[in-house]
């Protein structure tokens, strides 16, 4: 009987160690999911620096018509035209291949209109996406060293967006 208790104790200890180690190891998919959540919170807080933190300096969208600086201006314009922003993600698929990742994102961006759209001022509505159709984007990220990262570690940065549809 005592031998069974020892075997059971060893199995429980091994399971506990495995559980503890699995909590310490963060996969690339989990890191990217955390970045999407962090940027969603930054949008809700109208935090431009937080929104741009994970965007590569050589970011492109639409055949180089939108670079990182233009993307920041577009975000700032959105913050000026709407309050109480909320990102609602309906689909998040992450495919990591080494130091590159592709993210399929379906989402809605809601907000209360302010400013230059008189007929909508004070009304809550969809800025991107609609009740029955989410906005869609394919995000392309790469793992790169960042000067500000501790120990020169590599971080995931958004390089480009393809297949964007506003959902309305």
N, C-alpha and C. Protein backbone atom coordinates (compact mmCIF):
# COMPACT_ATOMS: atom_id res chain seq x y z
N UNK A 1 0.82 -1.19 0.00
CA UNK A 1 0.00 0.00 0.00
C UNK A 1 0.87 1.27 0.00
N UNK A 2 1.93 1.20 0.78
CA UNK A 2 2.80 2.35 0.87
C UNK A 2 3.45 2.67 -0.48
N UNK A 3 3.79 1.63 -1.23
CA UNK A 3 4.41 1.81 -2.53
C UNK A 3 3.44 2.54 -3.48
N UNK A 4 2.16 2.23 -3.42
CA UNK A 4 1.16 2.92 -4.26
C UNK A 4 1.04 4.39 -3.88
N UNK A 5 1.14 4.69 -2.61
CA UNK A 5 1.08 6.08 -2.17
C UNK A 5 2.29 6.86 -2.67
N UNK A 6 3.45 6.23 -2.66
CA UNK A 6 4.66 6.88 -3.17
C UNK A 6 4.52 7.13 -4.67
N UNK A 7 4.04 6.15 -5.42
CA UNK A 7 3.84 6.30 -6.87
C UNK A 7 2.83 7.41 -7.13
N UNK A 8 1.73 7.43 -6.37
CA UNK A 8 0.72 8.48 -6.53
C UNK A 8 1.31 9.86 -6.22
N UNK A 9 2.13 9.95 -5.18
CA UNK A 9 2.75 11.22 -4.81
C UNK A 9 3.69 11.70 -5.92
N UNK A 10 4.45 10.78 -6.52
CA UNK A 10 5.36 11.13 -7.61
C UNK A 10 4.56 11.62 -8.82
N UNK A 11 3.45 10.93 -9.15
CA UNK A 11 2.62 11.33 -10.28
C UNK A 11 2.03 12.72 -10.04
N UNK A 12 1.52 12.96 -8.83
CA UNK A 12 0.96 14.27 -8.51
C UNK A 12 2.02 15.36 -8.54
N UNK A 13 3.21 15.06 -8.06
CA UNK A 13 4.29 16.05 -8.09
C UNK A 13 4.69 16.37 -9.53
N UNK A 14 4.78 15.33 -10.38
CA UNK A 14 5.13 15.54 -11.79
C UNK A 14 4.04 16.37 -12.48
N UNK A 15 2.79 16.08 -12.19
CA UNK A 15 1.69 16.85 -12.79
C UNK A 15 1.75 18.30 -12.33
N UNK A 16 2.05 18.52 -11.06
CA UNK A 16 2.17 19.88 -10.54
C UNK A 16 3.31 20.64 -11.19
N UNK A 17 4.44 19.97 -11.37
CA UNK A 17 5.59 20.61 -12.02
C UNK A 17 5.24 20.94 -13.48
N UNK A 18 4.61 20.00 -14.18
CA UNK A 18 4.22 20.23 -15.57
C UNK A 18 3.27 21.42 -15.65
N UNK A 19 2.28 21.48 -14.77
CA UNK A 19 1.32 22.58 -14.76
C UNK A 19 2.04 23.91 -14.50
N UNK A 20 2.96 23.92 -13.54
CA UNK A 20 3.69 25.15 -13.22
C UNK A 20 4.56 25.62 -14.37
N UNK A 21 5.27 24.70 -15.02
CA UNK A 21 6.12 25.05 -16.15
C UNK A 21 5.27 25.54 -17.32
N UNK A 22 4.13 24.90 -17.56
CA UNK A 22 3.28 25.33 -18.68
C UNK A 22 2.74 26.73 -18.46
N UNK A 23 2.60 27.14 -17.21
CA UNK A 23 2.16 28.51 -16.90
C UNK A 23 3.27 29.52 -17.15
N UNK A 24 4.53 29.10 -17.05
CA UNK A 24 5.66 30.01 -17.24
C UNK A 24 6.01 30.22 -18.71
N UNK A 25 5.74 29.23 -19.54
CA UNK A 25 6.10 29.30 -20.95
C UNK A 25 4.96 29.96 -21.72
N UNK A 26 5.27 31.05 -22.41
CA UNK A 26 4.28 31.76 -23.21
C UNK A 26 4.61 31.51 -24.68
N UNK A 27 3.64 30.98 -25.42
CA UNK A 27 3.86 30.70 -26.83
C UNK A 27 3.77 31.98 -27.65
N UNK A 28 4.27 31.92 -28.88
CA UNK A 28 4.17 33.08 -29.77
C UNK A 28 2.71 33.43 -30.04
N UNK A 29 1.87 32.42 -30.19
CA UNK A 29 0.44 32.67 -30.40
C UNK A 29 -0.15 33.45 -29.22
N UNK A 30 0.21 33.06 -28.00
CA UNK A 30 -0.28 33.76 -26.81
C UNK A 30 0.25 35.19 -26.76
N UNK A 31 1.50 35.39 -27.16
CA UNK A 31 2.07 36.75 -27.19
C UNK A 31 1.31 37.63 -28.19
N UNK A 32 1.04 37.08 -29.36
CA UNK A 32 0.33 37.85 -30.39
C UNK A 32 -1.10 38.14 -29.94
N UNK A 33 -1.76 37.17 -29.34
CA UNK A 33 -3.11 37.40 -28.82
C UNK A 33 -3.09 38.51 -27.75
N UNK A 34 -2.07 38.51 -26.92
CA UNK A 34 -1.93 39.55 -25.90
C UNK A 34 -1.71 40.92 -26.54
N UNK A 35 -0.97 40.97 -27.65
CA UNK A 35 -0.75 42.23 -28.36
C UNK A 35 -2.08 42.75 -28.91
N UNK A 36 -2.88 41.87 -29.51
CA UNK A 36 -4.19 42.28 -30.05
C UNK A 36 -5.05 42.84 -28.92
N UNK A 37 -5.06 42.18 -27.78
CA UNK A 37 -5.84 42.66 -26.63
C UNK A 37 -5.30 44.00 -26.12
N UNK A 38 -3.97 44.14 -26.08
CA UNK A 38 -3.34 45.39 -25.63
C UNK A 38 -3.70 46.56 -26.56
N UNK A 39 -3.65 46.32 -27.86
CA UNK A 39 -3.98 47.38 -28.82
C UNK A 39 -5.48 47.71 -28.74
N UNK A 40 -6.32 46.70 -28.52
CA UNK A 40 -7.76 46.95 -28.36
C UNK A 40 -8.02 47.86 -27.15
N UNK A 41 -7.31 47.60 -26.06
CA UNK A 41 -7.44 48.46 -24.86
C UNK A 41 -6.92 49.87 -25.15
N UNK A 42 -5.81 49.96 -25.89
CA UNK A 42 -5.25 51.27 -26.23
C UNK A 42 -6.24 52.07 -27.08
N UNK A 43 -6.92 51.41 -28.00
CA UNK A 43 -7.94 52.09 -28.81
C UNK A 43 -9.05 52.59 -27.90
N UNK A 44 -9.53 51.74 -27.00
CA UNK A 44 -10.61 52.14 -26.08
C UNK A 44 -10.18 53.32 -25.21
N UNK A 45 -8.90 53.40 -24.87
CA UNK A 45 -8.37 54.49 -24.04
C UNK A 45 -7.87 55.68 -24.86
N UNK A 46 -8.03 55.59 -26.17
CA UNK A 46 -7.54 56.62 -27.08
C UNK A 46 -6.07 56.93 -26.84
N UNK A 47 -5.31 55.87 -26.65
CA UNK A 47 -3.88 55.93 -26.36
C UNK A 47 -3.10 55.68 -27.65
N UNK A 48 -2.74 56.75 -28.34
CA UNK A 48 -2.07 56.63 -29.63
C UNK A 48 -0.74 55.88 -29.52
N UNK A 49 0.06 56.20 -28.51
CA UNK A 49 1.35 55.51 -28.33
C UNK A 49 1.14 54.02 -28.12
N UNK A 50 0.14 53.66 -27.34
CA UNK A 50 -0.17 52.25 -27.12
C UNK A 50 -0.62 51.55 -28.39
N UNK A 51 -1.35 52.27 -29.23
CA UNK A 51 -1.80 51.71 -30.51
C UNK A 51 -0.63 51.46 -31.45
N UNK A 52 0.34 52.36 -31.43
CA UNK A 52 1.44 52.30 -32.39
C UNK A 52 2.64 51.50 -31.89
N UNK A 53 2.63 51.11 -30.64
CA UNK A 53 3.78 50.45 -30.02
C UNK A 53 4.22 49.18 -30.76
N UNK A 54 3.27 48.46 -31.33
CA UNK A 54 3.59 47.19 -31.99
C UNK A 54 3.57 47.30 -33.51
N UNK A 55 3.70 48.53 -34.03
CA UNK A 55 3.72 48.75 -35.48
C UNK A 55 5.17 48.99 -35.90
N UNK A 56 5.60 48.25 -36.90
CA UNK A 56 6.96 48.39 -37.42
C UNK A 56 7.16 49.76 -38.06
N UNK A 57 8.38 50.28 -37.99
CA UNK A 57 8.70 51.56 -38.62
C UNK A 57 8.51 51.52 -40.13
N UNK A 58 8.61 50.33 -40.74
CA UNK A 58 8.43 50.22 -42.18
C UNK A 58 7.07 49.60 -42.54
N UNK A 59 6.07 49.84 -41.70
CA UNK A 59 4.70 49.38 -41.93
C UNK A 59 4.17 49.90 -43.27
N UNK A 60 3.42 49.03 -43.98
CA UNK A 60 2.75 49.46 -45.22
C UNK A 60 1.35 48.86 -45.27
N UNK A 61 0.49 49.60 -45.94
CA UNK A 61 -0.87 49.14 -46.23
C UNK A 61 -1.28 49.80 -47.54
N UNK A 62 -1.97 49.05 -48.39
CA UNK A 62 -2.44 49.53 -49.68
C UNK A 62 -1.30 50.04 -50.56
N UNK A 63 -0.43 49.16 -50.92
CA UNK A 63 0.66 49.48 -51.86
C UNK A 63 1.43 50.73 -51.45
N UNK A 64 1.76 50.80 -50.17
CA UNK A 64 2.61 51.85 -49.60
C UNK A 64 1.96 53.23 -49.54
N UNK A 65 0.66 53.33 -49.74
CA UNK A 65 -0.01 54.62 -49.59
C UNK A 65 -0.20 54.98 -48.12
N UNK A 66 -0.19 53.98 -47.26
CA UNK A 66 -0.31 54.23 -45.82
C UNK A 66 0.93 53.66 -45.13
N UNK A 67 1.70 54.54 -44.52
CA UNK A 67 2.87 54.10 -43.75
C UNK A 67 2.55 54.28 -42.25
N UNK A 68 3.54 54.11 -41.41
CA UNK A 68 3.30 54.20 -39.96
C UNK A 68 2.81 55.59 -39.55
N UNK A 69 3.40 56.64 -40.10
CA UNK A 69 3.00 58.00 -39.74
C UNK A 69 1.57 58.28 -40.18
N UNK A 70 1.20 57.85 -41.37
CA UNK A 70 -0.18 58.04 -41.85
C UNK A 70 -1.16 57.24 -41.01
N UNK A 71 -0.78 56.02 -40.65
CA UNK A 71 -1.64 55.19 -39.79
C UNK A 71 -1.88 55.89 -38.45
N UNK A 72 -0.85 56.50 -37.89
CA UNK A 72 -0.99 57.23 -36.62
C UNK A 72 -1.94 58.42 -36.80
N UNK A 73 -1.84 59.13 -37.93
CA UNK A 73 -2.75 60.26 -38.18
C UNK A 73 -4.19 59.78 -38.32
N UNK A 74 -4.40 58.64 -39.00
CA UNK A 74 -5.75 58.09 -39.14
C UNK A 74 -6.33 57.70 -37.78
N UNK A 75 -5.51 57.11 -36.93
CA UNK A 75 -5.97 56.76 -35.58
C UNK A 75 -6.32 58.01 -34.80
N UNK A 76 -5.49 59.03 -34.89
CA UNK A 76 -5.74 60.29 -34.18
C UNK A 76 -7.04 60.93 -34.66
N UNK A 77 -7.30 60.88 -35.96
CA UNK A 77 -8.55 61.42 -36.51
C UNK A 77 -9.76 60.65 -35.97
N UNK A 78 -9.63 59.34 -35.87
CA UNK A 78 -10.71 58.53 -35.31
C UNK A 78 -10.96 58.92 -33.86
N UNK A 79 -9.91 59.11 -33.08
CA UNK A 79 -10.06 59.51 -31.68
C UNK A 79 -10.75 60.87 -31.58
N UNK A 80 -10.49 61.77 -32.55
CA UNK A 80 -11.10 63.10 -32.52
C UNK A 80 -12.57 63.07 -32.90
N UNK A 81 -12.98 62.06 -33.66
CA UNK A 81 -14.37 61.99 -34.16
C UNK A 81 -15.28 61.10 -33.34
N UNK A 82 -14.73 60.33 -32.41
CA UNK A 82 -15.57 59.40 -31.65
C UNK A 82 -15.02 59.23 -30.24
N UNK A 83 -15.93 59.05 -29.31
CA UNK A 83 -15.60 58.76 -27.91
C UNK A 83 -16.14 57.39 -27.54
N UNK A 84 -15.77 56.95 -26.35
CA UNK A 84 -16.28 55.67 -25.83
C UNK A 84 -16.05 54.53 -26.82
N UNK A 85 -14.84 54.46 -27.35
CA UNK A 85 -14.51 53.43 -28.34
C UNK A 85 -14.43 52.06 -27.69
N UNK A 86 -14.85 51.06 -28.45
CA UNK A 86 -14.77 49.68 -27.98
C UNK A 86 -14.52 48.78 -29.18
N UNK A 87 -13.51 47.93 -29.06
CA UNK A 87 -13.21 46.94 -30.09
C UNK A 87 -13.82 45.62 -29.65
N UNK A 88 -14.61 45.03 -30.53
CA UNK A 88 -15.22 43.73 -30.26
C UNK A 88 -14.68 42.74 -31.30
N UNK A 89 -13.91 41.76 -30.85
CA UNK A 89 -13.28 40.80 -31.76
C UNK A 89 -14.16 39.56 -31.84
N UNK A 90 -14.54 39.20 -33.08
CA UNK A 90 -15.38 38.01 -33.26
C UNK A 90 -14.59 36.81 -33.77
N UNK A 91 -13.43 37.05 -34.36
CA UNK A 91 -12.59 35.95 -34.85
C UNK A 91 -11.14 36.37 -34.79
N UNK A 92 -10.31 35.49 -34.28
CA UNK A 92 -8.87 35.72 -34.20
C UNK A 92 -8.17 34.40 -34.49
N UNK A 93 -7.57 34.30 -35.66
CA UNK A 93 -6.82 33.10 -36.05
C UNK A 93 -5.37 33.50 -36.26
N UNK A 94 -4.47 32.81 -35.56
CA UNK A 94 -3.05 33.14 -35.60
C UNK A 94 -2.28 31.97 -36.17
N UNK A 95 -1.47 32.22 -37.18
CA UNK A 95 -0.63 31.20 -37.79
C UNK A 95 0.81 31.68 -37.73
N UNK A 96 1.62 31.02 -36.88
CA UNK A 96 3.02 31.40 -36.72
C UNK A 96 3.88 30.43 -37.50
N UNK A 97 4.76 30.98 -38.33
CA UNK A 97 5.73 30.21 -39.10
C UNK A 97 7.11 30.79 -38.82
N UNK A 98 7.79 30.26 -37.82
CA UNK A 98 9.10 30.77 -37.44
C UNK A 98 8.99 32.17 -36.86
N UNK A 99 9.62 33.14 -37.53
CA UNK A 99 9.60 34.52 -37.05
C UNK A 99 8.62 35.39 -37.84
N UNK A 100 7.68 34.76 -38.51
CA UNK A 100 6.62 35.47 -39.22
C UNK A 100 5.28 34.91 -38.76
N UNK A 101 4.28 35.77 -38.74
CA UNK A 101 2.95 35.34 -38.34
C UNK A 101 1.90 36.04 -39.18
N UNK A 102 0.82 35.34 -39.43
CA UNK A 102 -0.33 35.90 -40.13
C UNK A 102 -1.51 35.80 -39.17
N UNK A 103 -2.25 36.90 -39.05
CA UNK A 103 -3.39 36.95 -38.14
C UNK A 103 -4.62 37.34 -38.94
N UNK A 104 -5.64 36.47 -38.92
CA UNK A 104 -6.93 36.81 -39.51
C UNK A 104 -7.78 37.37 -38.39
N UNK A 105 -8.27 38.58 -38.60
CA UNK A 105 -8.99 39.29 -37.55
C UNK A 105 -10.33 39.75 -38.11
N UNK A 106 -11.40 39.41 -37.41
CA UNK A 106 -12.74 39.93 -37.70
C UNK A 106 -13.17 40.69 -36.46
N UNK A 107 -13.63 41.93 -36.65
CA UNK A 107 -13.89 42.78 -35.50
C UNK A 107 -14.90 43.86 -35.83
N UNK A 108 -15.38 44.49 -34.78
CA UNK A 108 -16.24 45.66 -34.90
C UNK A 108 -15.65 46.75 -34.01
N UNK A 109 -15.70 47.99 -34.48
CA UNK A 109 -15.26 49.13 -33.69
C UNK A 109 -16.48 50.01 -33.48
N UNK A 110 -16.90 50.14 -32.22
CA UNK A 110 -18.05 50.95 -31.87
C UNK A 110 -17.59 52.22 -31.19
N UNK A 111 -18.39 53.28 -31.32
CA UNK A 111 -18.06 54.53 -30.65
C UNK A 111 -19.22 55.49 -30.68
N UNK A 112 -19.13 56.53 -29.89
CA UNK A 112 -20.11 57.61 -29.88
C UNK A 112 -19.53 58.76 -30.70
N UNK A 113 -20.27 59.17 -31.72
CA UNK A 113 -19.78 60.21 -32.63
C UNK A 113 -19.74 61.58 -31.97
N UNK A 114 -18.69 62.32 -32.25
CA UNK A 114 -18.54 63.71 -31.82
C UNK A 114 -17.98 64.47 -33.02
N UNK A 115 -18.05 65.79 -32.97
CA UNK A 115 -17.35 66.57 -33.98
C UNK A 115 -18.09 66.75 -35.27
N UNK A 116 -17.41 66.53 -36.39
CA UNK A 116 -17.81 67.04 -37.70
C UNK A 116 -18.95 66.30 -38.39
N UNK A 117 -19.57 65.34 -37.78
CA UNK A 117 -20.65 64.60 -38.43
C UNK A 117 -21.95 64.94 -37.70
N UNK A 118 -22.49 66.13 -37.93
CA UNK A 118 -23.61 66.67 -37.17
C UNK A 118 -24.79 65.70 -37.03
N UNK A 119 -25.14 65.00 -38.09
CA UNK A 119 -26.30 64.13 -38.02
C UNK A 119 -26.09 62.94 -37.08
N UNK A 120 -24.83 62.64 -36.73
CA UNK A 120 -24.53 61.50 -35.87
C UNK A 120 -24.07 61.89 -34.47
N UNK A 121 -23.81 63.16 -34.21
CA UNK A 121 -23.23 63.59 -32.94
C UNK A 121 -24.08 63.08 -31.78
N UNK A 122 -23.41 62.47 -30.82
CA UNK A 122 -24.07 61.95 -29.63
C UNK A 122 -24.68 60.57 -29.81
N UNK A 123 -24.63 60.03 -31.02
CA UNK A 123 -25.20 58.71 -31.28
C UNK A 123 -24.09 57.67 -31.26
N UNK A 124 -24.42 56.52 -30.70
CA UNK A 124 -23.47 55.41 -30.68
C UNK A 124 -23.68 54.58 -31.92
N UNK A 125 -22.58 54.17 -32.54
CA UNK A 125 -22.72 53.37 -33.74
C UNK A 125 -21.43 52.68 -34.12
N UNK A 126 -21.51 51.96 -35.22
CA UNK A 126 -20.37 51.22 -35.73
C UNK A 126 -19.48 52.15 -36.55
N UNK A 127 -18.22 52.18 -36.20
CA UNK A 127 -17.24 52.95 -36.97
C UNK A 127 -16.64 52.02 -38.03
N UNK A 128 -16.37 50.80 -37.64
CA UNK A 128 -15.97 49.73 -38.56
C UNK A 128 -16.80 48.51 -38.22
N UNK A 129 -17.25 47.81 -39.25
CA UNK A 129 -18.11 46.66 -39.02
C UNK A 129 -19.56 47.09 -38.92
N UNK A 130 -20.44 46.13 -38.86
CA UNK A 130 -21.88 46.36 -38.77
C UNK A 130 -22.49 45.24 -37.95
N UNK A 131 -23.77 45.37 -37.56
CA UNK A 131 -24.36 44.32 -36.72
C UNK A 131 -24.24 42.92 -37.31
N UNK A 132 -24.42 42.78 -38.62
CA UNK A 132 -24.40 41.45 -39.22
C UNK A 132 -23.11 41.14 -39.98
N UNK A 133 -22.20 42.11 -40.08
CA UNK A 133 -20.97 41.88 -40.84
C UNK A 133 -19.80 42.56 -40.15
N UNK A 134 -18.86 41.79 -39.73
CA UNK A 134 -17.67 42.33 -39.07
C UNK A 134 -16.69 42.88 -40.09
N UNK A 135 -15.89 43.83 -39.66
CA UNK A 135 -14.75 44.27 -40.47
C UNK A 135 -13.75 43.12 -40.50
N UNK A 136 -12.90 43.09 -41.52
CA UNK A 136 -11.95 41.99 -41.66
C UNK A 136 -10.60 42.54 -42.06
N UNK A 137 -9.55 41.96 -41.52
CA UNK A 137 -8.19 42.34 -41.91
C UNK A 137 -7.27 41.14 -41.71
N UNK A 138 -6.29 41.05 -42.58
CA UNK A 138 -5.22 40.07 -42.40
C UNK A 138 -3.98 40.86 -42.01
N UNK A 139 -3.44 40.54 -40.85
CA UNK A 139 -2.27 41.23 -40.32
C UNK A 139 -1.04 40.36 -40.53
N UNK A 140 0.05 40.97 -40.94
CA UNK A 140 1.31 40.25 -41.15
C UNK A 140 2.33 40.82 -40.16
N UNK A 141 2.83 39.96 -39.28
CA UNK A 141 3.77 40.37 -38.25
C UNK A 141 5.10 39.66 -38.44
N UNK A 142 6.14 40.26 -37.91
CA UNK A 142 7.44 39.59 -37.88
C UNK A 142 8.07 39.84 -36.52
N UNK A 143 8.90 38.91 -36.13
CA UNK A 143 9.61 39.00 -34.86
C UNK A 143 10.94 39.68 -35.13
N UNK A 144 11.12 40.86 -34.51
CA UNK A 144 12.32 41.66 -34.78
C UNK A 144 12.92 42.16 -33.48
N UNK A 145 14.23 42.41 -33.49
CA UNK A 145 14.83 43.04 -32.31
C UNK A 145 14.37 44.48 -32.20
N UNK A 146 14.13 44.93 -31.01
CA UNK A 146 13.75 46.33 -30.78
C UNK A 146 14.76 46.92 -29.82
N UNK A 147 15.25 48.08 -30.14
CA UNK A 147 16.29 48.72 -29.33
C UNK A 147 15.86 48.88 -27.88
N UNK A 148 14.58 49.17 -27.64
CA UNK A 148 14.10 49.41 -26.29
C UNK A 148 13.77 48.12 -25.53
N UNK A 149 13.78 46.99 -26.22
CA UNK A 149 13.45 45.73 -25.55
C UNK A 149 14.61 45.30 -24.67
N UNK A 150 14.31 44.77 -23.48
CA UNK A 150 15.38 44.35 -22.57
C UNK A 150 16.23 43.24 -23.18
N UNK A 151 17.54 43.41 -23.08
CA UNK A 151 18.46 42.38 -23.57
C UNK A 151 18.42 42.20 -25.08
N UNK A 152 17.88 43.17 -25.81
CA UNK A 152 17.81 43.04 -27.26
C UNK A 152 16.87 41.94 -27.73
N UNK A 153 15.94 41.54 -26.87
CA UNK A 153 15.03 40.45 -27.24
C UNK A 153 14.17 40.86 -28.43
N UNK A 154 13.68 39.87 -29.16
CA UNK A 154 12.85 40.13 -30.32
C UNK A 154 11.39 40.27 -29.89
N UNK A 155 10.69 41.15 -30.58
CA UNK A 155 9.28 41.39 -30.29
C UNK A 155 8.49 41.29 -31.60
N UNK A 156 7.21 41.02 -31.48
CA UNK A 156 6.33 40.94 -32.65
C UNK A 156 5.90 42.34 -33.05
N UNK A 157 6.09 42.67 -34.34
CA UNK A 157 5.71 43.97 -34.88
C UNK A 157 4.85 43.79 -36.13
N UNK A 158 3.85 44.64 -36.28
CA UNK A 158 2.98 44.63 -37.45
C UNK A 158 3.71 45.25 -38.63
N UNK A 159 3.87 44.47 -39.70
CA UNK A 159 4.57 44.95 -40.90
C UNK A 159 3.62 45.46 -41.96
N UNK A 160 2.50 44.77 -42.14
CA UNK A 160 1.56 45.19 -43.17
C UNK A 160 0.18 44.60 -42.91
N UNK A 161 -0.80 45.23 -43.56
CA UNK A 161 -2.18 44.77 -43.50
C UNK A 161 -2.63 44.50 -44.93
N UNK A 162 -3.26 43.34 -45.12
CA UNK A 162 -3.83 43.01 -46.43
C UNK A 162 -5.27 42.57 -46.21
N UNK A 163 -5.99 42.45 -47.28
CA UNK A 163 -7.35 41.91 -47.24
C UNK A 163 -8.23 42.65 -46.23
N UNK A 164 -8.17 43.97 -46.24
CA UNK A 164 -8.98 44.76 -45.31
C UNK A 164 -10.36 45.05 -45.91
N UNK A 165 -11.38 44.84 -45.13
CA UNK A 165 -12.74 45.19 -45.51
C UNK A 165 -13.40 45.85 -44.31
N UNK A 166 -13.96 47.07 -44.46
CA UNK A 166 -14.55 47.76 -43.32
C UNK A 166 -15.83 47.13 -42.78
N UNK A 167 -16.45 46.22 -43.53
CA UNK A 167 -17.59 45.51 -43.02
C UNK A 167 -18.93 46.23 -43.13
N UNK A 168 -19.04 47.19 -44.03
CA UNK A 168 -20.34 47.81 -44.26
C UNK A 168 -20.57 48.05 -45.72
